[in-house]
Amino acid sequence: MYYIVMYGSVGVALISILIMGVSMLITPADKVKLKPGQDRDTVVRNMRKQGKLCIAVFVAITALLVWTVVSVGVDYLPGIGF
């Protein structure tokens, strides 16, 4: 049971980072809420950069996890192997 929670929480965290990044990329510019004195183009451009960064973090963490599983082997992962 402990391992289901452990692996599940990592999976949920990765999926949430991916969803957050994609939502930042697909949000239309006219739906972005502005604080007084903010320029819409600058806010949208910064939001798109943050979305790309979230997707890059997702890819990097996923690649690191896959590399770890491949190098260590599935048989030695806690709760799955021996």
C-alpha atoms as a PDB file:
ATOM      1  CA  MET A   1       0.000   0.000   0.000  1.00  0.00           C
ATOM      2  CA  TYR A   2       2.848   2.356   0.852  1.00  0.00           C
ATOM      3  CA  TYR A   3       4.402   1.918  -2.589  1.00  0.00           C
ATOM      4  CA  ILE A   4       1.132   2.634  -4.372  1.00  0.00           C
ATOM      5  CA  VAL A   5       0.935   5.959  -2.545  1.00  0.00           C
ATOM      6  CA  MET A   6       4.610   6.688  -3.216  1.00  0.00           C
ATOM      7  CA  TYR A   7       4.521   5.992  -6.956  1.00  0.00           C
ATOM      8  CA  GLY A   8       1.054   7.499  -7.326  1.00  0.00           C
ATOM      9  CA  SER A   9       2.080  10.797  -5.753  1.00  0.00           C
ATOM     10  CA  VAL A  10       5.034  11.085  -8.123  1.00  0.00           C
ATOM     11  CA  GLY A  11       2.734  10.360 -11.064  1.00  0.00           C
ATOM     12  CA  VAL A  12       0.153  12.910  -9.942  1.00  0.00           C
ATOM     13  CA  ALA A  13       2.854  15.562  -9.461  1.00  0.00           C
ATOM     14  CA  LEU A  14       4.238  14.977 -12.953  1.00  0.00           C
ATOM     15  CA  ILE A  15       0.797  15.075 -14.560  1.00  0.00           C
ATOM     16  CA  SER A  16      -0.086  18.283 -12.711  1.00  0.00           C
ATOM     17  CA  ILE A  17       3.112  19.985 -13.909  1.00  0.00           C
ATOM     18  CA  LEU A  18       2.280  18.951 -17.468  1.00  0.00           C
ATOM     19  CA  ILE A  19      -1.326  20.162 -17.232  1.00  0.00           C
ATOM     20  CA  MET A  20      -0.198  23.477 -15.751  1.00  0.00           C
ATOM     21  CA  GLY A  21       2.308  24.024 -18.570  1.00  0.00           C
ATOM     22  CA  VAL A  22      -0.138  23.136 -21.328  1.00  0.00           C
ATOM     23  CA  SER A  23      -2.843  25.340 -19.836  1.00  0.00           C
ATOM     24  CA  MET A  24      -0.436  28.282 -19.816  1.00  0.00           C
ATOM     25  CA  LEU A  25       0.276  27.727 -23.485  1.00  0.00           C
ATOM     26  CA  ILE A  26      -3.303  27.352 -24.706  1.00  0.00           C
ATOM     27  CA  THR A  27      -4.947  30.155 -22.707  1.00  0.00           C
ATOM     28  CA  PRO A  28      -6.143  32.839 -25.151  1.00  0.00           C
ATOM     29  CA  ALA A  29      -4.545  36.264 -24.685  1.00  0.00           C
ATOM     30  CA  ASP A  30      -7.896  37.987 -24.118  1.00  0.00           C
ATOM     31  CA  LYS A  31      -8.725  35.654 -21.176  1.00  0.00           C
ATOM     32  CA  VAL A  32      -5.615  36.616 -19.173  1.00  0.00           C
ATOM     33  CA  LYS A  33      -6.477  38.647 -16.089  1.00  0.00           C
ATOM     34  CA  LEU A  34      -4.379  41.774 -15.601  1.00  0.00           C
ATOM     35  CA  LYS A  35      -3.538  43.775 -12.521  1.00  0.00           C
ATOM     36  CA  PRO A  36      -3.749  47.571 -12.836  1.00  0.00           C
ATOM     37  CA  GLY A  37      -0.818  48.949 -14.820  1.00  0.00           C
ATOM     38  CA  GLN A  38       0.162  45.679 -16.531  1.00  0.00           C
ATOM     39  CA  ASP A  39       0.694  45.367 -20.257  1.00  0.00           C
ATOM     40  CA  ARG A  40      -1.204  42.478 -21.844  1.00  0.00           C
ATOM     41  CA  ASP A  41       1.536  41.552 -24.329  1.00  0.00           C
ATOM     42  CA  THR A  42       4.197  41.332 -21.624  1.00  0.00           C
ATOM     43  CA  VAL A  43       1.996  39.265 -19.315  1.00  0.00           C
ATOM     44  CA  VAL A  44       1.045  36.851 -22.092  1.00  0.00           C
ATOM     45  CA  ARG A  45       4.650  36.496 -23.261  1.00  0.00           C
ATOM     46  CA  ASN A  46       5.829  35.752 -19.695  1.00  0.00           C
ATOM     47  CA  MET A  47       2.995  33.267 -19.201  1.00  0.00           C
ATOM     48  CA  ARG A  48       3.960  31.421 -22.397  1.00  0.00           C
ATOM     49  CA  LYS A  49       7.592  31.257 -21.200  1.00  0.00           C
ATOM     50  CA  GLN A  50       6.470  29.802 -17.876  1.00  0.00           C
ATOM     51  CA  GLY A  51       4.339  27.236 -19.702  1.00  0.00           C
ATOM     52  CA  LYS A  52       7.280  26.137 -21.829  1.00  0.00           C
ATOM     53  CA  LEU A  53       9.429  25.934 -18.709  1.00  0.00           C
ATOM     54  CA  CYS A  54       6.844  23.723 -16.966  1.00  0.00           C
ATOM     55  CA  ILE A  55       6.798  21.356 -19.932  1.00  0.00           C
ATOM     56  CA  ALA A  56      10.612  21.317 -19.993  1.00  0.00           C
ATOM     57  CA  VAL A  57      10.685  20.438 -16.273  1.00  0.00           C
ATOM     58  CA  PHE A  58       8.164  17.646 -16.903  1.00  0.00           C
ATOM     59  CA  VAL A  59      10.301  16.223 -19.719  1.00  0.00           C
ATOM     60  CA  ALA A  60      13.500  16.487 -17.663  1.00  0.00           C
ATOM     61  CA  ILE A  61      12.050  14.763 -14.584  1.00  0.00           C
ATOM     62  CA  THR A  62      10.425  12.061 -16.705  1.00  0.00           C
ATOM     63  CA  ALA A  63      13.691  11.441 -18.553  1.00  0.00           C
ATOM     64  CA  LEU A  64      15.556  11.229 -15.247  1.00  0.00           C
ATOM     65  CA  LEU A  65      13.050   8.719 -13.870  1.00  0.00           C
ATOM     66  CA  VAL A  66      13.184   6.599 -17.029  1.00  0.00           C
ATOM     67  CA  TRP A  67      16.993   6.677 -17.000  1.00  0.00           C
ATOM     68  CA  THR A  68      17.000   5.605 -13.347  1.00  0.00           C
ATOM     69  CA  VAL A  69      14.622   2.717 -13.982  1.00  0.00           C
ATOM     70  CA  VAL A  70      16.602   1.560 -17.015  1.00  0.00           C
ATOM     71  CA  SER A  71      19.982   1.795 -15.300  1.00  0.00           C
ATOM     72  CA  VAL A  72      18.898   0.233 -11.996  1.00  0.00           C
ATOM     73  CA  GLY A  73      16.462  -2.248 -13.447  1.00  0.00           C
ATOM     74  CA  VAL A  74      12.811  -2.780 -12.699  1.00  0.00           C
ATOM     75  CA  ASP A  75      13.639  -5.766 -10.513  1.00  0.00           C
ATOM     76  CA  TYR A  76      15.334  -3.564  -7.923  1.00  0.00           C
ATOM     77  CA  LEU A  77      12.640  -0.889  -7.569  1.00  0.00           C
ATOM     78  CA  PRO A  78      10.983  -0.877  -4.137  1.00  0.00           C
ATOM     79  CA  GLY A  79       7.585  -2.521  -4.169  1.00  0.00           C
ATOM     80  CA  ILE A  80       7.947  -3.868  -7.703  1.00  0.00           C
ATOM     81  CA  GLY A  81      11.026  -6.099  -7.668  1.00  0.00           C
ATOM     82  CA  PHE A  82      12.336  -8.396  -5.020  1.00  0.00           C
END
